[in-house]
Amino acid sequence: MPKYYIGTAGWSYKDWVPNFYPKNQSAGFDWLQFYSHYFNCVEVNSSYYAYISPKVVEGWVRKVTDSDNFIFDVKLHQDFTHKRSFDNQNIKSVRYNLDLLSNAERLGGLLIQFPYSFSFNNAAVQYLQKLKNIFPDYKCFIEVRHSSWNNKEALKFFKDADLTYCTIDQPQIGKAILFEPVITNDIAYIRFHGRNEDAWKNSINNYGKKQTYEQRSERYKYLYSPGELVEIEQKIKSVQEKVKEVHVIMNNHPQGDAVANAFELVHLLESADKIEIPGTILNAYPRLNEISSN
């Protein structure tokens, strides 16, 4: 059995109150501390939008002190992936925070997420190699969304460069890459964006337009059904003997759907009979009572 790291993409969502975080919170209540009591992994999304202050990162480390095996997977800033324009100071800022987490033994790795438009060609391969050269000391998880990457030449490059090919589940629109676990080193990294096809198409049509948080998040609003989760479990377990670690990240975050599904996947993938689940989310998602030890 590999080590499973199961969690969500981000933890700081106001709409997770009261479905996960309690409505009545004491002055000392902390969302990350609460989250880390139930999960052993989180993907940092804020690092995609901003260069995080080291003091903030040091605060994260302190807040998860009571969770021995808890790790952070950090998403690389969009300057490197979408804008592809960065300088040495940007590099130093990213490295410094990664080293803070690494030195505290809290770093899972670096998620490098590219848009659908980043298709397979020689220039794209060379750019990935450039990023690997910039961040050689960290586990790098590469998310590409275009099906052109699913070929022998691309996968050989991933293996030769020791890059983890990130498997994703998303609506099958255009030439979106299929949800099939692909292993290129000793880590599996699997992300779930939901299957809300209509909202995803609408998001594509509104790309570049000013949108509210709710409008931007709509395409991720999706609760995986028990049947879909069993299908997911089977696909992940089909490759688990090939790796030492499996990172499973739920990005269907609106209202806390990601949290509910993450608990269900902990139950399925770790073959746990009953697991500890807070009453807040049991109230919001009654089907979780079947796997709750409460």
C-alpha atoms as a PDB file:
ATOM      1  CA  MET A   1       0.000   0.000   0.000  1.00  0.00           C
ATOM      2  CA  PRO A   2       1.326   3.447  -0.872  1.00  0.00           C
ATOM      3  CA  LYS A   3       0.952   6.389   1.474  1.00  0.00           C
ATOM      4  CA  TYR A   4      -2.318   8.185   0.728  1.00  0.00           C
ATOM      5  CA  TYR A   5      -2.575  11.953   1.068  1.00  0.00           C
ATOM      6  CA  ILE A   6      -6.215  12.966   0.657  1.00  0.00           C
ATOM      7  CA  GLY A   7      -7.555  16.488   0.978  1.00  0.00           C
ATOM      8  CA  THR A   8      -8.993  19.502  -0.806  1.00  0.00           C
ATOM      9  CA  ALA A   9      -7.788  22.339  -3.016  1.00  0.00           C
ATOM     10  CA  GLY A  10      -7.712  25.159  -0.503  1.00  0.00           C
ATOM     11  CA  TRP A  11      -9.282  25.362   2.949  1.00  0.00           C
ATOM     12  CA  SER A  12     -10.265  29.032   3.368  1.00  0.00           C
ATOM     13  CA  TYR A  13     -13.779  29.233   1.940  1.00  0.00           C
ATOM     14  CA  LYS A  14     -16.508  31.286   3.568  1.00  0.00           C
ATOM     15  CA  ASP A  15     -19.165  29.030   2.052  1.00  0.00           C
ATOM     16  CA  TRP A  16     -17.809  26.102   4.092  1.00  0.00           C
ATOM     17  CA  VAL A  17     -19.546  27.712   7.082  1.00  0.00           C
ATOM     18  CA  PRO A  18     -21.650  26.026   8.485  1.00  0.00           C
ATOM     19  CA  ASN A  19     -21.318  22.906   6.279  1.00  0.00           C
ATOM     20  CA  PHE A  20     -17.813  22.148   7.605  1.00  0.00           C
ATOM     21  CA  TYR A  21     -16.579  24.930   9.844  1.00  0.00           C
ATOM     22  CA  PRO A  22     -19.032  25.656  12.691  1.00  0.00           C
ATOM     23  CA  LYS A  23     -21.143  28.794  12.556  1.00  0.00           C
ATOM     24  CA  ASN A  24     -20.313  29.738  16.139  1.00  0.00           C
ATOM     25  CA  GLN A  25     -16.547  30.043  16.418  1.00  0.00           C
ATOM     26  CA  SER A  26     -14.487  31.056  19.442  1.00  0.00           C
ATOM     27  CA  ALA A  27     -11.900  33.835  19.161  1.00  0.00           C
ATOM     28  CA  GLY A  28      -9.113  31.238  18.961  1.00  0.00           C
ATOM     29  CA  PHE A  29     -10.803  28.999  16.390  1.00  0.00           C
ATOM     30  CA  ASP A  30      -8.649  28.473  13.297  1.00  0.00           C
ATOM     31  CA  TRP A  31      -9.866  26.971  10.023  1.00  0.00           C
ATOM     32  CA  LEU A  32      -6.569  25.312   9.044  1.00  0.00           C
ATOM     33  CA  GLN A  33      -6.108  23.818  12.505  1.00  0.00           C
ATOM     34  CA  PHE A  34      -9.638  22.418  12.362  1.00  0.00           C
ATOM     35  CA  TYR A  35      -9.134  21.110   8.813  1.00  0.00           C
ATOM     36  CA  SER A  36      -5.809  19.399   9.654  1.00  0.00           C
ATOM     37  CA  HIS A  37      -7.482  17.426  12.420  1.00  0.00           C
ATOM     38  CA  TYR A  38      -9.433  15.477   9.776  1.00  0.00           C
ATOM     39  CA  PHE A  39      -7.168  15.408   6.701  1.00  0.00           C
ATOM     40  CA  ASN A  40      -3.443  14.850   6.141  1.00  0.00           C
ATOM     41  CA  CYS A  41      -3.018  17.035   3.070  1.00  0.00           C
ATOM     42  CA  VAL A  42      -4.124  20.323   1.547  1.00  0.00           C
ATOM     43  CA  GLU A  43      -3.344  21.983  -1.745  1.00  0.00           C
ATOM     44  CA  VAL A  44      -2.426  25.664  -1.378  1.00  0.00           C
ATOM     45  CA  ASN A  45      -4.327  27.681  -3.987  1.00  0.00           C
ATOM     46  CA  SER A  46      -3.551  31.195  -2.748  1.00  0.00           C
ATOM     47  CA  SER A  47       0.050  30.819  -3.949  1.00  0.00           C
ATOM     48  CA  TYR A  48      -1.259  30.786  -7.526  1.00  0.00           C
ATOM     49  CA  TYR A  49      -2.664  34.313  -7.153  1.00  0.00           C
ATOM     50  CA  ALA A  50      -0.096  35.954  -4.886  1.00  0.00           C
ATOM     51  CA  TYR A  51       3.444  35.603  -3.544  1.00  0.00           C
ATOM     52  CA  ILE A  52       2.757  34.572   0.028  1.00  0.00           C
ATOM     53  CA  SER A  53       4.533  36.233   2.936  1.00  0.00           C
ATOM     54  CA  PRO A  54       6.951  33.859   4.704  1.00  0.00           C
ATOM     55  CA  LYS A  55       5.326  34.838   8.006  1.00  0.00           C
ATOM     56  CA  VAL A  56       2.035  33.428   6.718  1.00  0.00           C
ATOM     57  CA  VAL A  57       3.740  30.163   5.765  1.00  0.00           C
ATOM     58  CA  GLU A  58       5.394  29.961   9.187  1.00  0.00           C
ATOM     59  CA  GLY A  59       1.913  30.415  10.665  1.00  0.00           C
ATOM     60  CA  TRP A  60       0.631  27.454   8.649  1.00  0.00           C
ATOM     61  CA  VAL A  61       3.383  25.268  10.054  1.00  0.00           C
ATOM     62  CA  ARG A  62       2.522  26.258  13.625  1.00  0.00           C
ATOM     63  CA  LYS A  63      -1.180  25.601  13.107  1.00  0.00           C
ATOM     64  CA  VAL A  64      -0.668  21.969  12.031  1.00  0.00           C
ATOM     65  CA  THR A  65       1.737  21.067  14.850  1.00  0.00           C
ATOM     66  CA  ASP A  66      -0.695  18.515  16.284  1.00  0.00           C
ATOM     67  CA  SER A  67      -1.086  16.711  12.940  1.00  0.00           C
ATOM     68  CA  ASP A  68       2.051  14.599  12.586  1.00  0.00           C
ATOM     69  CA  ASN A  69       1.816  13.604   8.915  1.00  0.00           C
ATOM     70  CA  PHE A  70       0.156  16.728   7.501  1.00  0.00           C
ATOM     71  CA  ILE A  71       1.637  18.139   4.278  1.00  0.00           C
ATOM     72  CA  PHE A  72       1.085  21.086   1.938  1.00  0.00           C
ATOM     73  CA  ASP A  73       1.081  20.753  -1.841  1.00  0.00           C
ATOM     74  CA  VAL A  74       1.790  24.244  -3.173  1.00  0.00           C
ATOM     75  CA  LYS A  75       0.429  25.541  -6.476  1.00  0.00           C
ATOM     76  CA  LEU A  76       2.953  27.554  -8.469  1.00  0.00           C
ATOM     77  CA  HIS A  77       2.136  31.206  -9.184  1.00  0.00           C
ATOM     78  CA  GLN A  78       0.356  31.951 -12.464  1.00  0.00           C
ATOM     79  CA  ASP A  79       3.331  34.085 -13.591  1.00  0.00           C
ATOM     80  CA  PHE A  80       5.114  30.793 -14.305  1.00  0.00           C
ATOM     81  CA  THR A  81       2.253  28.867 -15.912  1.00  0.00           C
ATOM     82  CA  HIS A  82      -0.303  31.179 -17.513  1.00  0.00           C
ATOM     83  CA  LYS A  83       1.579  34.448 -18.063  1.00  0.00           C
ATOM     84  CA  ARG A  84       4.975  32.731 -18.428  1.00  0.00           C
ATOM     85  CA  SER A  85       6.717  35.931 -17.422  1.00  0.00           C
ATOM     86  CA  PHE A  86       8.728  36.007 -14.189  1.00  0.00           C
ATOM     87  CA  ASP A  87      12.001  37.257 -12.747  1.00  0.00           C
ATOM     88  CA  ASN A  88      14.626  36.111 -10.237  1.00  0.00           C
ATOM     89  CA  GLN A  89      12.806  37.732  -7.342  1.00  0.00           C
ATOM     90  CA  ASN A  90       9.688  35.719  -8.170  1.00  0.00           C
ATOM     91  CA  ILE A  91      11.763  32.536  -8.214  1.00  0.00           C
ATOM     92  CA  LYS A  92      13.403  33.365  -4.869  1.00  0.00           C
ATOM     93  CA  SER A  93      10.027  34.111  -3.298  1.00  0.00           C
ATOM     94  CA  VAL A  94       8.620  30.729  -4.339  1.00  0.00           C
ATOM     95  CA  ARG A  95      11.740  28.814  -3.315  1.00  0.00           C
ATOM     96  CA  TYR A  96      11.941  30.493   0.081  1.00  0.00           C
ATOM     97  CA  ASN A  97       8.452  29.394   1.050  1.00  0.00           C
ATOM     98  CA  LEU A  98       8.933  25.897  -0.335  1.00  0.00           C
ATOM     99  CA  ASP A  99      12.105  25.597   1.742  1.00  0.00           C
ATOM    100  CA  LEU A 100      10.278  26.781   4.859  1.00  0.00           C
ATOM    101  CA  LEU A 101       7.786  23.954   4.428  1.00  0.00           C
ATOM    102  CA  SER A 102      10.452  21.448   3.407  1.00  0.00           C
ATOM    103  CA  ASN A 103      12.654  22.203   6.407  1.00  0.00           C
ATOM    104  CA  ALA A 104       9.634  21.698   8.652  1.00  0.00           C
ATOM    105  CA  GLU A 105       8.939  18.382   6.851  1.00  0.00           C
ATOM    106  CA  ARG A 106       5.578  19.727   5.715  1.00  0.00           C
ATOM    107  CA  LEU A 107       6.097  19.983   1.940  1.00  0.00           C
ATOM    108  CA  GLY A 108       4.430  17.525  -0.373  1.00  0.00           C
ATOM    109  CA  GLY A 109       5.516  19.115  -3.622  1.00  0.00           C
ATOM    110  CA  LEU A 110       4.949  21.820  -6.208  1.00  0.00           C
ATOM    111  CA  LEU A 111       1.831  21.704  -8.391  1.00  0.00           C
ATOM    112  CA  ILE A 112       2.480  23.302 -11.771  1.00  0.00           C
ATOM    113  CA  GLN A 113      -0.907  23.765 -13.445  1.00  0.00           C
ATOM    114  CA  PHE A 114      -1.226  24.807 -17.073  1.00  0.00           C
ATOM    115  CA  PRO A 115      -4.334  25.966 -18.945  1.00  0.00           C
ATOM    116  CA  TYR A 116      -6.131  23.966 -21.639  1.00  0.00           C
ATOM    117  CA  SER A 117      -4.367  26.096 -24.288  1.00  0.00           C
ATOM    118  CA  PHE A 118      -0.974  24.671 -23.269  1.00  0.00           C
ATOM    119  CA  SER A 119      -0.853  21.830 -25.789  1.00  0.00           C
ATOM    120  CA  PHE A 120       1.949  19.387 -26.539  1.00  0.00           C
ATOM    121  CA  ASN A 121       4.795  20.581 -28.792  1.00  0.00           C
ATOM    122  CA  ASN A 122       8.573  20.982 -28.598  1.00  0.00           C
ATOM    123  CA  ALA A 123       8.381  24.506 -27.186  1.00  0.00           C
ATOM    124  CA  ALA A 124       6.043  23.354 -24.404  1.00  0.00           C
ATOM    125  CA  VAL A 125       8.344  20.454 -23.527  1.00  0.00           C
ATOM    126  CA  GLN A 126      11.331  22.803 -23.394  1.00  0.00           C
ATOM    127  CA  TYR A 127       9.399  25.150 -21.117  1.00  0.00           C
ATOM    128  CA  LEU A 128       8.589  22.313 -18.722  1.00  0.00           C
ATOM    129  CA  GLN A 129      12.256  21.377 -18.654  1.00  0.00           C
ATOM    130  CA  LYS A 130      13.103  25.007 -17.891  1.00  0.00           C
ATOM    131  CA  LEU A 131      10.763  24.987 -14.877  1.00  0.00           C
ATOM    132  CA  LYS A 132      12.200  21.682 -13.679  1.00  0.00           C
ATOM    133  CA  ASN A 133      15.680  23.240 -13.876  1.00  0.00           C
ATOM    134  CA  ILE A 134      14.474  26.249 -11.860  1.00  0.00           C
ATOM    135  CA  PHE A 135      12.905  24.044  -9.165  1.00  0.00           C
ATOM    136  CA  PRO A 136      15.136  20.949  -9.160  1.00  0.00           C
ATOM    137  CA  ASP A 137      14.953  20.218  -5.445  1.00  0.00           C
ATOM    138  CA  TYR A 138      11.191  19.701  -5.188  1.00  0.00           C
ATOM    139  CA  LYS A 139       8.723  17.080  -6.324  1.00  0.00           C
ATOM    140  CA  CYS A 140       6.995  18.636  -9.332  1.00  0.00           C
ATOM    141  CA  PHE A 141       3.425  17.692 -10.252  1.00  0.00           C
ATOM    142  CA  ILE A 142       2.506  18.818 -13.777  1.00  0.00           C
ATOM    143  CA  GLU A 143      -1.139  19.375 -14.684  1.00  0.00           C
ATOM    144  CA  VAL A 144      -1.878  19.670 -18.389  1.00  0.00           C
ATOM    145  CA  ARG A 145      -5.462  19.690 -19.628  1.00  0.00           C
ATOM    146  CA  HIS A 146      -5.170  19.125 -23.387  1.00  0.00           C
ATOM    147  CA  SER A 147      -5.385  15.575 -24.737  1.00  0.00           C
ATOM    148  CA  SER A 148      -2.402  16.171 -27.047  1.00  0.00           C
ATOM    149  CA  TRP A 149      -0.169  15.359 -24.050  1.00  0.00           C
ATOM    150  CA  ASN A 150      -1.399  11.775 -23.924  1.00  0.00           C
ATOM    151  CA  ASN A 151       1.260  10.301 -26.195  1.00  0.00           C
ATOM    152  CA  LYS A 152       4.376   8.139 -25.789  1.00  0.00           C
ATOM    153  CA  GLU A 153       6.832  10.949 -26.498  1.00  0.00           C
ATOM    154  CA  ALA A 154       5.345  13.227 -23.839  1.00  0.00           C
ATOM    155  CA  LEU A 155       5.164  10.473 -21.234  1.00  0.00           C
ATOM    156  CA  LYS A 156       8.774   9.469 -21.927  1.00  0.00           C
ATOM    157  CA  PHE A 157       9.802  13.079 -21.312  1.00  0.00           C
ATOM    158  CA  PHE A 158       7.917  13.135 -18.006  1.00  0.00           C
ATOM    159  CA  LYS A 159       9.676   9.942 -16.916  1.00  0.00           C
ATOM    160  CA  ASP A 160      13.132  11.078 -18.030  1.00  0.00           C
ATOM    161  CA  ALA A 161      12.684  14.457 -16.285  1.00  0.00           C
ATOM    162  CA  ASP A 162      11.257  12.804 -13.142  1.00  0.00           C
ATOM    163  CA  LEU A 163       8.055  14.823 -13.382  1.00  0.00           C
ATOM    164  CA  THR A 164       4.788  13.547 -11.938  1.00  0.00           C
ATOM    165  CA  TYR A 165       2.023  13.525 -14.532  1.00  0.00           C
ATOM    166  CA  CYS A 166      -1.070  14.908 -12.805  1.00  0.00           C
ATOM    167  CA  THR A 167      -4.225  12.940 -13.588  1.00  0.00           C
ATOM    168  CA  ILE A 168      -7.362  15.104 -13.656  1.00  0.00           C
ATOM    169  CA  ASP A 169     -11.089  14.547 -13.771  1.00  0.00           C
ATOM    170  CA  GLN A 170     -13.022  17.317 -15.520  1.00  0.00           C
ATOM    171  CA  PRO A 171     -15.932  17.659 -17.967  1.00  0.00           C
ATOM    172  CA  GLN A 172     -15.095  16.117 -21.328  1.00  0.00           C
ATOM    173  CA  ILE A 173     -15.343  19.186 -23.553  1.00  0.00           C
ATOM    174  CA  GLY A 174     -13.372  19.661 -26.755  1.00  0.00           C
ATOM    175  CA  LYS A 175     -10.014  17.914 -26.468  1.00  0.00           C
ATOM    176  CA  ALA A 176     -10.006  17.724 -22.697  1.00  0.00           C
ATOM    177  CA  ILE A 177      -7.712  15.033 -21.374  1.00  0.00           C
ATOM    178  CA  LEU A 178      -9.406  11.827 -20.231  1.00  0.00           C
ATOM    179  CA  PHE A 179      -9.574  10.706 -16.619  1.00  0.00           C
ATOM    180  CA  GLU A 180      -7.130   7.816 -16.748  1.00  0.00           C
ATOM    181  CA  PRO A 181      -4.386   7.551 -14.104  1.00  0.00           C
ATOM    182  CA  VAL A 182      -0.952   7.866 -15.706  1.00  0.00           C
ATOM    183  CA  ILE A 183       2.194   7.008 -13.731  1.00  0.00           C
ATOM    184  CA  THR A 184       5.546   8.560 -14.692  1.00  0.00           C
ATOM    185  CA  ASN A 185       7.488   8.206 -11.414  1.00  0.00           C
ATOM    186  CA  ASP A 186       6.837   6.922  -7.895  1.00  0.00           C
ATOM    187  CA  ILE A 187       4.054   9.423  -7.107  1.00  0.00           C
ATOM    188  CA  ALA A 188       0.449   9.605  -8.316  1.00  0.00           C
ATOM    189  CA  TYR A 189      -1.180  13.048  -8.159  1.00  0.00           C
ATOM    190  CA  ILE A 190      -4.893  13.076  -8.927  1.00  0.00           C
ATOM    191  CA  ARG A 191      -7.138  16.159  -8.973  1.00  0.00           C
ATOM    192  CA  PHE A 192     -10.930  16.315  -9.233  1.00  0.00           C
ATOM    193  CA  HIS A 193     -12.593  19.375 -10.764  1.00  0.00           C
ATOM    194  CA  GLY A 194     -16.123  17.938 -10.857  1.00  0.00           C
ATOM    195  CA  ARG A 195     -18.271  17.034 -13.861  1.00  0.00           C
ATOM    196  CA  ASN A 196     -20.503  20.103 -14.135  1.00  0.00           C
ATOM    197  CA  GLU A 197     -20.387  20.278 -17.923  1.00  0.00           C
ATOM    198  CA  ASP A 198     -22.930  23.086 -18.453  1.00  0.00           C
ATOM    199  CA  ALA A 199     -21.250  25.418 -15.967  1.00  0.00           C
ATOM    200  CA  TRP A 200     -17.830  24.543 -17.402  1.00  0.00           C
ATOM    201  CA  LYS A 201     -18.986  25.498 -20.914  1.00  0.00           C
ATOM    202  CA  ASN A 202     -20.456  28.720 -19.547  1.00  0.00           C
ATOM    203  CA  SER A 203     -17.140  29.509 -17.858  1.00  0.00           C
ATOM    204  CA  ILE A 204     -15.322  29.053 -21.165  1.00  0.00           C
ATOM    205  CA  ASN A 205     -17.759  31.426 -22.876  1.00  0.00           C
ATOM    206  CA  ASN A 206     -17.212  34.049 -20.153  1.00  0.00           C
ATOM    207  CA  TYR A 207     -13.425  33.753 -20.072  1.00  0.00           C
ATOM    208  CA  GLY A 208     -11.789  37.146 -19.645  1.00  0.00           C
ATOM    209  CA  LYS A 209     -14.986  38.821 -18.418  1.00  0.00           C
ATOM    210  CA  LYS A 210     -15.298  40.280 -14.946  1.00  0.00           C
ATOM    211  CA  GLN A 211     -17.050  37.749 -12.705  1.00  0.00           C
ATOM    212  CA  THR A 212     -17.971  37.413  -9.040  1.00  0.00           C
ATOM    213  CA  TYR A 213     -16.482  34.678  -6.851  1.00  0.00           C
ATOM    214  CA  GLU A 214     -19.731  32.735  -7.135  1.00  0.00           C
ATOM    215  CA  GLN A 215     -19.686  32.957 -10.928  1.00  0.00           C
ATOM    216  CA  ARG A 216     -16.049  31.853 -11.123  1.00  0.00           C
ATOM    217  CA  SER A 217     -16.730  28.955  -8.767  1.00  0.00           C
ATOM    218  CA  GLU A 218     -19.885  27.694 -10.434  1.00  0.00           C
ATOM    219  CA  ARG A 219     -18.062  25.273 -12.740  1.00  0.00           C
ATOM    220  CA  TYR A 220     -16.630  23.464  -9.693  1.00  0.00           C
ATOM    221  CA  LYS A 221     -20.040  23.011  -8.078  1.00  0.00           C
ATOM    222  CA  TYR A 222     -20.454  19.269  -8.231  1.00  0.00           C
ATOM    223  CA  LEU A 223     -20.965  16.510  -5.675  1.00  0.00           C
ATOM    224  CA  TYR A 224     -19.641  13.148  -6.858  1.00  0.00           C
ATOM    225  CA  SER A 225     -22.184  10.376  -6.372  1.00  0.00           C
ATOM    226  CA  PRO A 226     -21.378   7.176  -4.429  1.00  0.00           C
ATOM    227  CA  GLY A 227     -21.307   5.278  -7.733  1.00  0.00           C
ATOM    228  CA  GLU A 228     -18.847   7.724  -9.284  1.00  0.00           C
ATOM    229  CA  LEU A 229     -16.635   7.475  -6.205  1.00  0.00           C
ATOM    230  CA  VAL A 230     -16.485   3.677  -6.486  1.00  0.00           C
ATOM    231  CA  GLU A 231     -15.418   4.073 -10.131  1.00  0.00           C
ATOM    232  CA  ILE A 232     -12.739   6.547  -8.998  1.00  0.00           C
ATOM    233  CA  GLU A 233     -11.595   4.194  -6.229  1.00  0.00           C
ATOM    234  CA  GLN A 234     -11.152   1.344  -8.697  1.00  0.00           C
ATOM    235  CA  LYS A 235      -9.112   3.466 -11.109  1.00  0.00           C
ATOM    236  CA  ILE A 236      -6.821   4.745  -8.377  1.00  0.00           C
ATOM    237  CA  LYS A 237      -6.316   1.310  -6.848  1.00  0.00           C
ATOM    238  CA  SER A 238      -5.433  -0.075 -10.276  1.00  0.00           C
ATOM    239  CA  VAL A 239      -2.167   1.907 -10.189  1.00  0.00           C
ATOM    240  CA  GLN A 240      -1.420   2.046  -6.460  1.00  0.00           C
ATOM    241  CA  GLU A 241       1.128  -0.791  -6.581  1.00  0.00           C
ATOM    242  CA  LYS A 242       3.289   1.261  -8.960  1.00  0.00           C
ATOM    243  CA  VAL A 243       3.848   4.191  -6.588  1.00  0.00           C
ATOM    244  CA  LYS A 244       4.962   5.104  -3.066  1.00  0.00           C
ATOM    245  CA  GLU A 245       2.587   8.057  -2.635  1.00  0.00           C
ATOM    246  CA  VAL A 246      -0.885   8.924  -3.910  1.00  0.00           C
ATOM    247  CA  HIS A 247      -2.104  12.523  -3.579  1.00  0.00           C
ATOM    248  CA  VAL A 248      -5.863  12.896  -4.068  1.00  0.00           C
ATOM    249  CA  ILE A 249      -7.136  16.479  -4.229  1.00  0.00           C
ATOM    250  CA  MET A 250     -10.796  17.475  -4.451  1.00  0.00           C
ATOM    251  CA  ASN A 251     -11.323  20.851  -6.161  1.00  0.00           C
ATOM    252  CA  ASN A 252     -15.152  20.736  -6.269  1.00  0.00           C
ATOM    253  CA  HIS A 253     -15.114  23.203  -3.387  1.00  0.00           C
ATOM    254  CA  PRO A 254     -18.427  25.187  -3.448  1.00  0.00           C
ATOM    255  CA  GLN A 255     -20.497  24.697  -0.271  1.00  0.00           C
ATOM    256  CA  GLY A 256     -18.100  22.021   0.952  1.00  0.00           C
ATOM    257  CA  ASP A 257     -18.778  19.298  -1.639  1.00  0.00           C
ATOM    258  CA  ALA A 258     -15.004  18.706  -1.810  1.00  0.00           C
ATOM    259  CA  VAL A 259     -14.855  18.018   1.920  1.00  0.00           C
ATOM    260  CA  ALA A 260     -17.721  15.521   1.792  1.00  0.00           C
ATOM    261  CA  ASN A 261     -16.204  13.658  -1.140  1.00  0.00           C
ATOM    262  CA  ALA A 262     -12.742  13.719   0.462  1.00  0.00           C
ATOM    263  CA  PHE A 263     -14.116  11.976   3.554  1.00  0.00           C
ATOM    264  CA  GLU A 264     -15.750   9.363   1.310  1.00  0.00           C
ATOM    265  CA  LEU A 265     -12.496   8.734  -0.551  1.00  0.00           C
ATOM    266  CA  VAL A 266     -10.573   8.376   2.723  1.00  0.00           C
ATOM    267  CA  HIS A 267     -13.083   5.672   3.609  1.00  0.00           C
ATOM    268  CA  LEU A 268     -12.793   3.925   0.237  1.00  0.00           C
ATOM    269  CA  LEU A 269      -9.083   4.230  -0.524  1.00  0.00           C
ATOM    270  CA  GLU A 270      -7.746   3.576   2.954  1.00  0.00           C
ATOM    271  CA  SER A 271     -10.238   0.743   3.490  1.00  0.00           C
ATOM    272  CA  ALA A 272     -11.321   2.359   6.728  1.00  0.00           C
ATOM    273  CA  ASP A 273     -14.415   0.886   8.367  1.00  0.00           C
ATOM    274  CA  LYS A 274     -15.519   4.072  10.125  1.00  0.00           C
ATOM    275  CA  ILE A 275     -13.805   7.471  10.220  1.00  0.00           C
ATOM    276  CA  GLU A 276     -14.044  10.558  12.394  1.00  0.00           C
ATOM    277  CA  ILE A 277     -16.265  13.174  10.757  1.00  0.00           C
ATOM    278  CA  PRO A 278     -17.444  16.422  12.399  1.00  0.00           C
ATOM    279  CA  GLY A 279     -21.133  16.889  13.088  1.00  0.00           C
ATOM    280  CA  THR A 280     -21.251  20.023  10.947  1.00  0.00           C
ATOM    281  CA  ILE A 281     -20.730  18.127   7.708  1.00  0.00           C
ATOM    282  CA  LEU A 282     -22.825  15.168   8.827  1.00  0.00           C
ATOM    283  CA  ASN A 283     -25.744  17.577   9.083  1.00  0.00           C
ATOM    284  CA  ALA A 284     -25.048  18.993   5.617  1.00  0.00           C
ATOM    285  CA  TYR A 285     -24.395  15.608   3.960  1.00  0.00           C
ATOM    286  CA  PRO A 286     -26.449  12.932   5.789  1.00  0.00           C
ATOM    287  CA  ARG A 287     -25.103  10.102   3.614  1.00  0.00           C
ATOM    288  CA  LEU A 288     -21.768  10.455   5.445  1.00  0.00           C
ATOM    289  CA  ASN A 289     -23.398   9.009   8.564  1.00  0.00           C
ATOM    290  CA  GLU A 290     -22.873   5.546   7.058  1.00  0.00           C
ATOM    291  CA  ILE A 291     -19.090   5.881   7.330  1.00  0.00           C
ATOM    292  CA  SER A 292     -18.885   8.034  10.465  1.00  0.00           C
ATOM    293  CA  SER A 293     -17.498   6.722  13.729  1.00  0.00           C
ATOM    294  CA  ASN A 294     -19.389   9.404  15.672  1.00  0.00           C
END
